[in-house]
Amino acid sequence: MLKQWEELPEYMRVEEVRPYWESLNKKRGQLLLKRIFDIVVALILLIVLAVPMLILAVWIKLDSEGPVFYRQERVK
């Protein structure tokens, strides 16, 4: 969430940043509602899409001998 001006790190508390911080500070309620909306929509989509993902995972497992998720080691 949006921190108070005094809580910002020293390198961010400069006069060039202050107008942007004040603009965001006025919209705190809107930012909170947007955050809640984002989390709720993400949870709903995760629940809705979990069923097709599970079906695809079972389908892949039945169709091929390997694992559902492909893994390989990185070459340095």
N, C-alpha and C. Protein backbone atom coordinates (compact mmCIF):
# COMPACT_ATOMS: atom_id res chain seq x y z
N MET A 1 0.83 -1.18 0.00
CA MET A 1 0.00 0.00 0.00
C MET A 1 0.88 1.24 0.00
N LEU A 2 0.25 2.35 -0.18
CA LEU A 2 0.95 3.62 -0.26
C LEU A 2 1.47 4.02 1.12
N LYS A 3 2.77 4.27 1.21
CA LYS A 3 3.38 4.65 2.48
C LYS A 3 3.26 6.16 2.69
N GLN A 4 3.41 6.57 3.95
CA GLN A 4 3.47 7.99 4.26
C GLN A 4 4.77 8.56 3.70
N TRP A 5 4.77 9.86 3.43
CA TRP A 5 5.95 10.51 2.84
C TRP A 5 7.19 10.27 3.70
N GLU A 6 7.05 10.34 5.01
CA GLU A 6 8.18 10.18 5.92
C GLU A 6 8.71 8.74 5.93
N GLU A 7 7.88 7.78 5.57
CA GLU A 7 8.27 6.37 5.58
C GLU A 7 9.00 5.95 4.30
N LEU A 8 8.97 6.80 3.29
CA LEU A 8 9.64 6.46 2.03
C LEU A 8 11.15 6.46 2.23
N PRO A 9 11.87 5.64 1.47
CA PRO A 9 13.34 5.68 1.56
C PRO A 9 13.86 7.07 1.19
N GLU A 10 14.99 7.39 1.72
CA GLU A 10 15.59 8.72 1.53
C GLU A 10 15.74 9.09 0.05
N TYR A 11 16.16 8.13 -0.77
CA TYR A 11 16.39 8.44 -2.19
C TYR A 11 15.09 8.74 -2.94
N MET A 12 13.94 8.38 -2.37
CA MET A 12 12.66 8.65 -3.03
C MET A 12 12.03 9.96 -2.55
N ARG A 13 12.45 10.47 -1.41
CA ARG A 13 11.87 11.70 -0.87
C ARG A 13 12.55 12.92 -1.47
N VAL A 14 12.34 13.12 -2.75
CA VAL A 14 12.88 14.29 -3.44
C VAL A 14 11.72 15.09 -4.00
N GLU A 15 11.96 16.35 -4.27
CA GLU A 15 10.88 17.23 -4.72
C GLU A 15 10.30 16.82 -6.07
N GLU A 16 11.06 16.12 -6.89
CA GLU A 16 10.54 15.66 -8.18
C GLU A 16 9.46 14.59 -8.00
N VAL A 17 9.56 13.83 -6.92
CA VAL A 17 8.63 12.72 -6.68
C VAL A 17 7.38 13.21 -5.93
N ARG A 18 7.52 14.26 -5.16
CA ARG A 18 6.43 14.70 -4.28
C ARG A 18 5.10 14.94 -5.00
N PRO A 19 5.04 15.60 -6.17
CA PRO A 19 3.74 15.79 -6.83
C PRO A 19 3.05 14.47 -7.19
N TYR A 20 3.83 13.49 -7.61
CA TYR A 20 3.25 12.18 -7.96
C TYR A 20 2.74 11.47 -6.71
N TRP A 21 3.50 11.56 -5.62
CA TRP A 21 3.08 10.94 -4.37
C TRP A 21 1.79 11.59 -3.87
N GLU A 22 1.70 12.92 -3.93
CA GLU A 22 0.49 13.63 -3.48
C GLU A 22 -0.71 13.26 -4.34
N SER A 23 -0.49 13.09 -5.64
CA SER A 23 -1.57 12.68 -6.53
C SER A 23 -2.09 11.29 -6.15
N LEU A 24 -1.17 10.37 -5.88
CA LEU A 24 -1.57 9.02 -5.47
C LEU A 24 -2.21 9.03 -4.08
N ASN A 25 -1.72 9.88 -3.21
CA ASN A 25 -2.25 9.95 -1.85
C ASN A 25 -3.72 10.38 -1.86
N LYS A 26 -4.09 11.25 -2.80
CA LYS A 26 -5.49 11.68 -2.90
C LYS A 26 -6.39 10.55 -3.37
N LYS A 27 -5.83 9.57 -4.06
CA LYS A 27 -6.61 8.46 -4.63
C LYS A 27 -6.49 7.18 -3.82
N ARG A 28 -6.20 7.29 -2.54
CA ARG A 28 -5.99 6.10 -1.69
C ARG A 28 -7.18 5.15 -1.74
N GLY A 29 -8.40 5.69 -1.63
CA GLY A 29 -9.59 4.85 -1.64
C GLY A 29 -9.74 4.11 -2.96
N GLN A 30 -9.49 4.81 -4.06
CA GLN A 30 -9.57 4.18 -5.38
C GLN A 30 -8.53 3.08 -5.51
N LEU A 31 -7.33 3.34 -5.01
CA LEU A 31 -6.27 2.34 -5.09
C LEU A 31 -6.61 1.10 -4.27
N LEU A 32 -7.23 1.30 -3.11
CA LEU A 32 -7.63 0.17 -2.27
C LEU A 32 -8.72 -0.65 -2.97
N LEU A 33 -9.72 0.03 -3.53
CA LEU A 33 -10.77 -0.69 -4.25
C LEU A 33 -10.22 -1.46 -5.45
N LYS A 34 -9.28 -0.86 -6.17
CA LYS A 34 -8.68 -1.53 -7.32
C LYS A 34 -7.92 -2.78 -6.87
N ARG A 35 -7.18 -2.67 -5.76
CA ARG A 35 -6.43 -3.81 -5.24
C ARG A 35 -7.38 -4.95 -4.84
N ILE A 36 -8.47 -4.61 -4.15
CA ILE A 36 -9.46 -5.62 -3.76
C ILE A 36 -10.08 -6.25 -5.00
N PHE A 37 -10.44 -5.43 -5.99
CA PHE A 37 -11.01 -5.94 -7.23
C PHE A 37 -10.04 -6.89 -7.92
N ASP A 38 -8.77 -6.51 -8.00
CA ASP A 38 -7.77 -7.35 -8.65
C ASP A 38 -7.65 -8.71 -7.97
N ILE A 39 -7.62 -8.71 -6.64
CA ILE A 39 -7.48 -9.96 -5.90
C ILE A 39 -8.71 -10.84 -6.07
N VAL A 40 -9.91 -10.25 -5.99
CA VAL A 40 -11.15 -11.02 -6.13
C VAL A 40 -11.25 -11.63 -7.53
N VAL A 41 -10.98 -10.83 -8.55
CA VAL A 41 -11.06 -11.34 -9.93
C VAL A 41 -10.02 -12.44 -10.15
N ALA A 42 -8.81 -12.25 -9.63
CA ALA A 42 -7.77 -13.27 -9.79
C ALA A 42 -8.19 -14.58 -9.11
N LEU A 43 -8.77 -14.50 -7.93
CA LEU A 43 -9.22 -15.72 -7.25
C LEU A 43 -10.34 -16.42 -8.01
N ILE A 44 -11.29 -15.64 -8.52
CA ILE A 44 -12.40 -16.22 -9.29
C ILE A 44 -11.86 -16.92 -10.54
N LEU A 45 -10.96 -16.24 -11.26
CA LEU A 45 -10.40 -16.84 -12.48
C LEU A 45 -9.57 -18.07 -12.16
N LEU A 46 -8.84 -18.04 -11.06
CA LEU A 46 -8.06 -19.20 -10.66
C LEU A 46 -8.96 -20.40 -10.39
N ILE A 47 -10.07 -20.16 -9.70
CA ILE A 47 -11.01 -21.24 -9.39
C ILE A 47 -11.67 -21.76 -10.67
N VAL A 48 -12.09 -20.83 -11.55
CA VAL A 48 -12.77 -21.23 -12.79
C VAL A 48 -11.81 -21.97 -13.71
N LEU A 49 -10.56 -21.52 -13.81
CA LEU A 49 -9.62 -22.13 -14.74
C LEU A 49 -8.93 -23.37 -14.17
N ALA A 50 -9.09 -23.63 -12.88
CA ALA A 50 -8.48 -24.81 -12.28
C ALA A 50 -9.06 -26.09 -12.87
N VAL A 51 -10.35 -26.09 -13.16
CA VAL A 51 -11.00 -27.29 -13.72
C VAL A 51 -10.44 -27.62 -15.11
N PRO A 52 -10.40 -26.67 -16.06
CA PRO A 52 -9.80 -27.00 -17.36
C PRO A 52 -8.33 -27.39 -17.25
N MET A 53 -7.58 -26.76 -16.35
CA MET A 53 -6.17 -27.13 -16.19
C MET A 53 -6.03 -28.55 -15.67
N LEU A 54 -6.90 -28.95 -14.76
CA LEU A 54 -6.87 -30.31 -14.23
C LEU A 54 -7.23 -31.31 -15.32
N ILE A 55 -8.23 -30.99 -16.12
CA ILE A 55 -8.62 -31.87 -17.23
C ILE A 55 -7.47 -32.02 -18.22
N LEU A 56 -6.81 -30.91 -18.55
CA LEU A 56 -5.67 -30.97 -19.47
C LEU A 56 -4.52 -31.79 -18.89
N ALA A 57 -4.27 -31.65 -17.61
CA ALA A 57 -3.19 -32.42 -16.97
C ALA A 57 -3.48 -33.91 -17.04
N VAL A 58 -4.71 -34.30 -16.77
CA VAL A 58 -5.09 -35.72 -16.85
C VAL A 58 -4.98 -36.20 -18.29
N TRP A 59 -5.44 -35.39 -19.23
CA TRP A 59 -5.38 -35.75 -20.65
C TRP A 59 -3.93 -35.95 -21.11
N ILE A 60 -3.05 -35.05 -20.70
CA ILE A 60 -1.63 -35.18 -21.06
C ILE A 60 -1.05 -36.45 -20.46
N LYS A 61 -1.37 -36.73 -19.22
CA LYS A 61 -0.84 -37.92 -18.54
C LYS A 61 -1.32 -39.20 -19.21
N LEU A 62 -2.58 -39.21 -19.65
CA LEU A 62 -3.11 -40.41 -20.31
C LEU A 62 -2.53 -40.57 -21.71
N ASP A 63 -2.19 -39.46 -22.35
CA ASP A 63 -1.74 -39.50 -23.74
C ASP A 63 -0.25 -39.81 -23.88
N SER A 64 0.57 -39.41 -22.91
CA SER A 64 2.02 -39.62 -23.05
C SER A 64 2.58 -40.28 -21.81
N GLU A 65 3.78 -40.82 -21.96
CA GLU A 65 4.41 -41.55 -20.86
C GLU A 65 5.10 -40.63 -19.86
N GLY A 66 5.51 -39.47 -20.32
CA GLY A 66 6.28 -38.56 -19.47
C GLY A 66 5.44 -37.83 -18.45
N PRO A 67 6.10 -36.97 -17.71
CA PRO A 67 5.38 -36.19 -16.70
C PRO A 67 4.52 -35.10 -17.35
N VAL A 68 3.60 -34.58 -16.59
CA VAL A 68 2.73 -33.51 -17.09
C VAL A 68 3.54 -32.23 -17.30
N PHE A 69 4.43 -31.93 -16.35
CA PHE A 69 5.28 -30.75 -16.45
C PHE A 69 6.66 -31.15 -16.95
N TYR A 70 7.13 -30.49 -17.99
CA TYR A 70 8.45 -30.77 -18.55
C TYR A 70 9.50 -30.10 -17.69
N ARG A 71 10.58 -30.85 -17.40
CA ARG A 71 11.68 -30.33 -16.60
C ARG A 71 12.99 -30.63 -17.27
N GLN A 72 13.91 -29.70 -17.19
CA GLN A 72 15.26 -29.98 -17.66
C GLN A 72 16.23 -29.15 -16.85
N GLU A 73 17.48 -29.63 -16.80
CA GLU A 73 18.50 -28.89 -16.06
C GLU A 73 19.08 -27.81 -16.93
N ARG A 74 19.42 -26.71 -16.30
CA ARG A 74 20.04 -25.61 -17.03
C ARG A 74 21.50 -25.92 -17.31
N VAL A 75 21.95 -25.53 -18.45
CA VAL A 75 23.36 -25.66 -18.80
C VAL A 75 24.02 -24.33 -18.52
N LYS A 76 25.08 -24.35 -17.74
CA LYS A 76 25.76 -23.09 -17.38
C LYS A 76 26.81 -22.73 -18.39
